[in-house]
Structures are given as C-alpha cells and as structure tokens.
Amino acid sequence: MGFDEVHKMDITGDGVDETVGVRRNEDGSVEYHVDIDGDGTADMKAVDVDGDGVIDHVLVDHDGDGKYDAAVVDADGDGELDAVAEK
C-alpha cells in the first residue's frame, strides 16, 4: 500500500525536514504517516477520519518498534486533540 503524496517538511520544528506520506482512503479519511527519525518507518500517524481537514486522532510509536503505542484523540469532538491513551 503506497502513498498518494509524499512531502518533506519540518513537522517537529527542529530545522530538519521529516518525510510525510499522505494516503487518501476510499471512505473519505486521510492518513498522514510521519517518519521523524529518517529510518523509513512512520513514527506517527495522524488521521482525519471524515476528510474535513481536522485531525481526529494521532497514533505515536514512542519506542521505535514499528507498533503504535500511544494515541491522542479528540474525545469530545471540539476539533482539539485532548485525550491520551497508552497501549
């Protein structure tokens, strides 16, 4: 499964560009896969569930094992990420 778009941009604000792969799904959702450390594996995935341009949840791989171990979600639907769930 590839990406519809791939961009280089400084997501972390450290002056170094990260790779962002964008996947537009058939259900209207959009996924942003971010490789922060340059190893070719996404360290973070932000998801716009309904395609409205607002991120609904973010999955994070803290330990670099390729598995997401934390999630930040918009629990109350106000457009702001506010709840953290550790796996």
N, C-alpha and C. Protein backbone atom coordinates (compact mmCIF):
# COMPACT_ATOMS: atom_id res chain seq x y z
N MET A 1 0.84 -1.17 0.00
CA MET A 1 0.00 0.00 0.00
C MET A 1 0.89 1.24 0.00
N GLY A 2 0.84 2.01 -1.04
CA GLY A 2 1.68 3.19 -1.15
C GLY A 2 0.98 4.45 -0.70
N PHE A 3 1.62 5.56 -0.98
CA PHE A 3 1.06 6.86 -0.62
C PHE A 3 0.61 7.60 -1.86
N ASP A 4 -0.42 8.43 -1.70
CA ASP A 4 -0.89 9.28 -2.79
C ASP A 4 0.04 10.46 -3.00
N GLU A 5 0.64 10.93 -1.92
CA GLU A 5 1.58 12.06 -1.96
C GLU A 5 2.67 11.81 -0.92
N VAL A 6 3.86 12.31 -1.19
CA VAL A 6 4.95 12.28 -0.21
C VAL A 6 5.56 13.68 -0.18
N HIS A 7 5.72 14.21 1.04
CA HIS A 7 6.25 15.56 1.21
C HIS A 7 7.42 15.54 2.19
N LYS A 8 8.31 16.49 2.05
CA LYS A 8 9.37 16.74 3.03
C LYS A 8 9.04 18.07 3.69
N MET A 9 8.90 18.06 5.01
CA MET A 9 8.62 19.29 5.74
C MET A 9 9.05 19.14 7.19
N ASP A 10 9.32 20.26 7.83
CA ASP A 10 9.76 20.26 9.22
C ASP A 10 8.55 20.23 10.13
N ILE A 11 8.14 19.05 10.53
CA ILE A 11 6.98 18.86 11.41
C ILE A 11 7.34 19.17 12.86
N THR A 12 8.55 18.83 13.27
CA THR A 12 8.95 18.93 14.68
C THR A 12 9.51 20.29 15.07
N GLY A 13 9.80 21.14 14.09
CA GLY A 13 10.31 22.47 14.39
C GLY A 13 11.79 22.51 14.74
N ASP A 14 12.53 21.44 14.39
CA ASP A 14 13.95 21.39 14.72
C ASP A 14 14.85 21.80 13.56
N GLY A 15 14.26 22.26 12.45
CA GLY A 15 15.04 22.68 11.30
C GLY A 15 15.40 21.55 10.34
N VAL A 16 14.98 20.32 10.66
CA VAL A 16 15.25 19.16 9.81
C VAL A 16 13.93 18.67 9.23
N ASP A 17 13.90 18.47 7.91
CA ASP A 17 12.67 18.00 7.27
C ASP A 17 12.40 16.54 7.58
N GLU A 18 11.16 16.23 7.90
CA GLU A 18 10.69 14.87 8.06
C GLU A 18 9.95 14.47 6.79
N THR A 19 9.79 13.17 6.57
CA THR A 19 9.04 12.67 5.43
C THR A 19 7.60 12.43 5.86
N VAL A 20 6.66 12.95 5.08
CA VAL A 20 5.24 12.77 5.37
C VAL A 20 4.58 12.11 4.17
N GLY A 21 4.05 10.91 4.39
CA GLY A 21 3.31 10.21 3.35
C GLY A 21 1.82 10.42 3.57
N VAL A 22 1.11 10.80 2.53
CA VAL A 22 -0.33 11.06 2.63
C VAL A 22 -1.09 9.97 1.89
N ARG A 23 -2.05 9.38 2.59
CA ARG A 23 -2.88 8.34 1.98
C ARG A 23 -4.35 8.78 2.08
N ARG A 24 -5.01 8.88 0.93
CA ARG A 24 -6.44 9.21 0.89
C ARG A 24 -7.20 7.89 0.69
N ASN A 25 -8.03 7.56 1.66
CA ASN A 25 -8.75 6.28 1.64
C ASN A 25 -10.11 6.40 0.97
N GLU A 26 -10.64 5.28 0.51
CA GLU A 26 -11.93 5.25 -0.19
C GLU A 26 -13.08 5.73 0.68
N ASP A 27 -12.95 5.60 2.00
CA ASP A 27 -14.03 6.02 2.91
C ASP A 27 -14.02 7.53 3.19
N GLY A 28 -13.10 8.27 2.56
CA GLY A 28 -13.02 9.71 2.75
C GLY A 28 -12.02 10.15 3.79
N SER A 29 -11.48 9.20 4.55
CA SER A 29 -10.49 9.55 5.57
C SER A 29 -9.13 9.81 4.93
N VAL A 30 -8.30 10.57 5.62
CA VAL A 30 -6.96 10.89 5.14
C VAL A 30 -5.97 10.56 6.25
N GLU A 31 -4.91 9.83 5.92
CA GLU A 31 -3.86 9.46 6.88
C GLU A 31 -2.57 10.18 6.52
N TYR A 32 -1.89 10.70 7.53
CA TYR A 32 -0.59 11.35 7.37
C TYR A 32 0.42 10.53 8.16
N HIS A 33 1.31 9.83 7.47
CA HIS A 33 2.33 8.99 8.10
C HIS A 33 3.63 9.79 8.14
N VAL A 34 4.18 10.00 9.35
CA VAL A 34 5.35 10.86 9.53
C VAL A 34 6.53 10.04 10.01
N ASP A 35 7.64 10.10 9.26
CA ASP A 35 8.91 9.46 9.65
C ASP A 35 9.79 10.54 10.27
N ILE A 36 9.84 10.58 11.59
CA ILE A 36 10.57 11.64 12.29
C ILE A 36 12.07 11.39 12.31
N ASP A 37 12.49 10.13 12.47
CA ASP A 37 13.92 9.85 12.64
C ASP A 37 14.63 9.42 11.35
N GLY A 38 13.93 9.40 10.21
CA GLY A 38 14.57 9.12 8.94
C GLY A 38 14.92 7.67 8.68
N ASP A 39 14.31 6.74 9.43
CA ASP A 39 14.64 5.32 9.25
C ASP A 39 13.74 4.61 8.24
N GLY A 40 12.81 5.35 7.62
CA GLY A 40 11.93 4.75 6.62
C GLY A 40 10.65 4.16 7.19
N THR A 41 10.47 4.25 8.51
CA THR A 41 9.27 3.75 9.16
C THR A 41 8.55 4.90 9.85
N ALA A 42 7.23 4.94 9.71
CA ALA A 42 6.45 6.03 10.32
C ALA A 42 6.52 5.93 11.84
N ASP A 43 6.81 7.06 12.48
CA ASP A 43 6.84 7.16 13.94
C ASP A 43 5.53 7.73 14.47
N MET A 44 4.73 8.30 13.57
CA MET A 44 3.49 8.94 13.96
C MET A 44 2.51 8.85 12.78
N LYS A 45 1.24 8.63 13.10
CA LYS A 45 0.20 8.64 12.07
C LYS A 45 -0.94 9.52 12.56
N ALA A 46 -1.22 10.59 11.81
CA ALA A 46 -2.34 11.47 12.11
C ALA A 46 -3.46 11.14 11.15
N VAL A 47 -4.70 11.07 11.67
CA VAL A 47 -5.82 10.66 10.84
C VAL A 47 -6.95 11.68 10.89
N ASP A 48 -7.40 12.09 9.72
CA ASP A 48 -8.60 12.91 9.55
C ASP A 48 -9.69 11.93 9.14
N VAL A 49 -10.50 11.48 10.08
CA VAL A 49 -11.45 10.40 9.87
C VAL A 49 -12.50 10.73 8.81
N ASP A 50 -12.99 11.97 8.81
CA ASP A 50 -14.10 12.31 7.91
C ASP A 50 -13.71 13.23 6.76
N GLY A 51 -12.41 13.49 6.58
CA GLY A 51 -11.94 14.28 5.45
C GLY A 51 -12.29 15.75 5.50
N ASP A 52 -12.53 16.27 6.72
CA ASP A 52 -12.91 17.68 6.86
C ASP A 52 -11.73 18.61 7.08
N GLY A 53 -10.51 18.05 7.05
CA GLY A 53 -9.31 18.87 7.24
C GLY A 53 -8.88 19.01 8.68
N VAL A 54 -9.61 18.38 9.61
CA VAL A 54 -9.29 18.42 11.04
C VAL A 54 -8.80 17.04 11.47
N ILE A 55 -7.63 16.99 12.11
CA ILE A 55 -7.08 15.72 12.60
C ILE A 55 -7.94 15.23 13.77
N ASP A 56 -8.41 13.98 13.67
CA ASP A 56 -9.27 13.41 14.71
C ASP A 56 -8.50 12.58 15.72
N HIS A 57 -7.41 11.96 15.31
CA HIS A 57 -6.55 11.26 16.27
C HIS A 57 -5.14 11.09 15.70
N VAL A 58 -4.20 10.92 16.62
CA VAL A 58 -2.80 10.73 16.27
C VAL A 58 -2.30 9.49 17.00
N LEU A 59 -1.64 8.60 16.27
CA LEU A 59 -1.01 7.42 16.85
C LEU A 59 0.49 7.65 16.86
N VAL A 60 1.15 7.25 17.95
CA VAL A 60 2.58 7.50 18.11
C VAL A 60 3.31 6.22 18.48
N ASP A 61 4.48 6.00 17.85
CA ASP A 61 5.37 4.89 18.18
C ASP A 61 6.54 5.48 18.97
N HIS A 62 6.44 5.45 20.30
CA HIS A 62 7.48 6.05 21.15
C HIS A 62 8.79 5.28 21.14
N ASP A 63 8.73 3.96 21.08
CA ASP A 63 9.94 3.16 21.25
C ASP A 63 10.57 2.69 19.94
N GLY A 64 10.00 3.08 18.79
CA GLY A 64 10.62 2.77 17.51
C GLY A 64 10.54 1.32 17.07
N ASP A 65 9.59 0.55 17.64
CA ASP A 65 9.48 -0.86 17.26
C ASP A 65 8.54 -1.10 16.08
N GLY A 66 8.01 -0.01 15.50
CA GLY A 66 7.11 -0.14 14.36
C GLY A 66 5.66 -0.35 14.73
N LYS A 67 5.36 -0.37 16.05
CA LYS A 67 3.99 -0.53 16.52
C LYS A 67 3.59 0.73 17.28
N TYR A 68 2.41 1.23 17.00
CA TYR A 68 1.93 2.43 17.70
C TYR A 68 1.57 2.06 19.13
N ASP A 69 2.11 2.83 20.10
CA ASP A 69 1.89 2.51 21.50
C ASP A 69 1.18 3.61 22.28
N ALA A 70 0.79 4.68 21.61
CA ALA A 70 0.02 5.74 22.26
C ALA A 70 -0.88 6.39 21.23
N ALA A 71 -2.01 6.89 21.69
CA ALA A 71 -2.95 7.58 20.81
C ALA A 71 -3.42 8.86 21.48
N VAL A 72 -3.53 9.91 20.71
CA VAL A 72 -4.10 11.16 21.17
C VAL A 72 -5.35 11.37 20.33
N VAL A 73 -6.49 11.60 21.00
CA VAL A 73 -7.76 11.69 20.28
C VAL A 73 -8.53 12.96 20.65
N ASP A 74 -9.43 13.33 19.77
CA ASP A 74 -10.39 14.40 20.06
C ASP A 74 -11.59 13.73 20.69
N ALA A 75 -11.56 13.54 22.00
CA ALA A 75 -12.58 12.77 22.71
C ALA A 75 -13.94 13.45 22.74
N ASP A 76 -13.96 14.78 22.72
CA ASP A 76 -15.24 15.48 22.83
C ASP A 76 -15.72 16.11 21.53
N GLY A 77 -14.99 15.89 20.43
CA GLY A 77 -15.43 16.37 19.12
C GLY A 77 -15.36 17.86 18.90
N ASP A 78 -14.50 18.56 19.68
CA ASP A 78 -14.42 20.02 19.54
C ASP A 78 -13.33 20.47 18.58
N GLY A 79 -12.66 19.52 17.92
CA GLY A 79 -11.62 19.87 16.96
C GLY A 79 -10.24 19.99 17.57
N GLU A 80 -10.11 19.74 18.89
CA GLU A 80 -8.81 19.78 19.57
C GLU A 80 -8.48 18.41 20.14
N LEU A 81 -7.25 17.96 19.91
CA LEU A 81 -6.81 16.68 20.47
C LEU A 81 -6.63 16.86 21.97
N ASP A 82 -7.22 15.94 22.77
CA ASP A 82 -7.21 16.19 24.20
C ASP A 82 -7.07 14.97 25.09
N ALA A 83 -7.19 13.78 24.61
CA ALA A 83 -7.10 12.61 25.47
C ALA A 83 -5.99 11.69 24.97
N VAL A 84 -5.15 11.22 25.90
CA VAL A 84 -4.04 10.33 25.56
C VAL A 84 -4.36 8.94 26.08
N ALA A 85 -4.21 7.95 25.22
CA ALA A 85 -4.39 6.56 25.61
C ALA A 85 -3.10 5.82 25.33
N GLU A 86 -2.50 5.25 26.36
CA GLU A 86 -1.29 4.44 26.20
C GLU A 86 -1.70 2.99 25.99
N LYS A 87 -1.01 2.31 25.08
CA LYS A 87 -1.30 0.89 24.83
C LYS A 87 -0.34 0.03 25.61
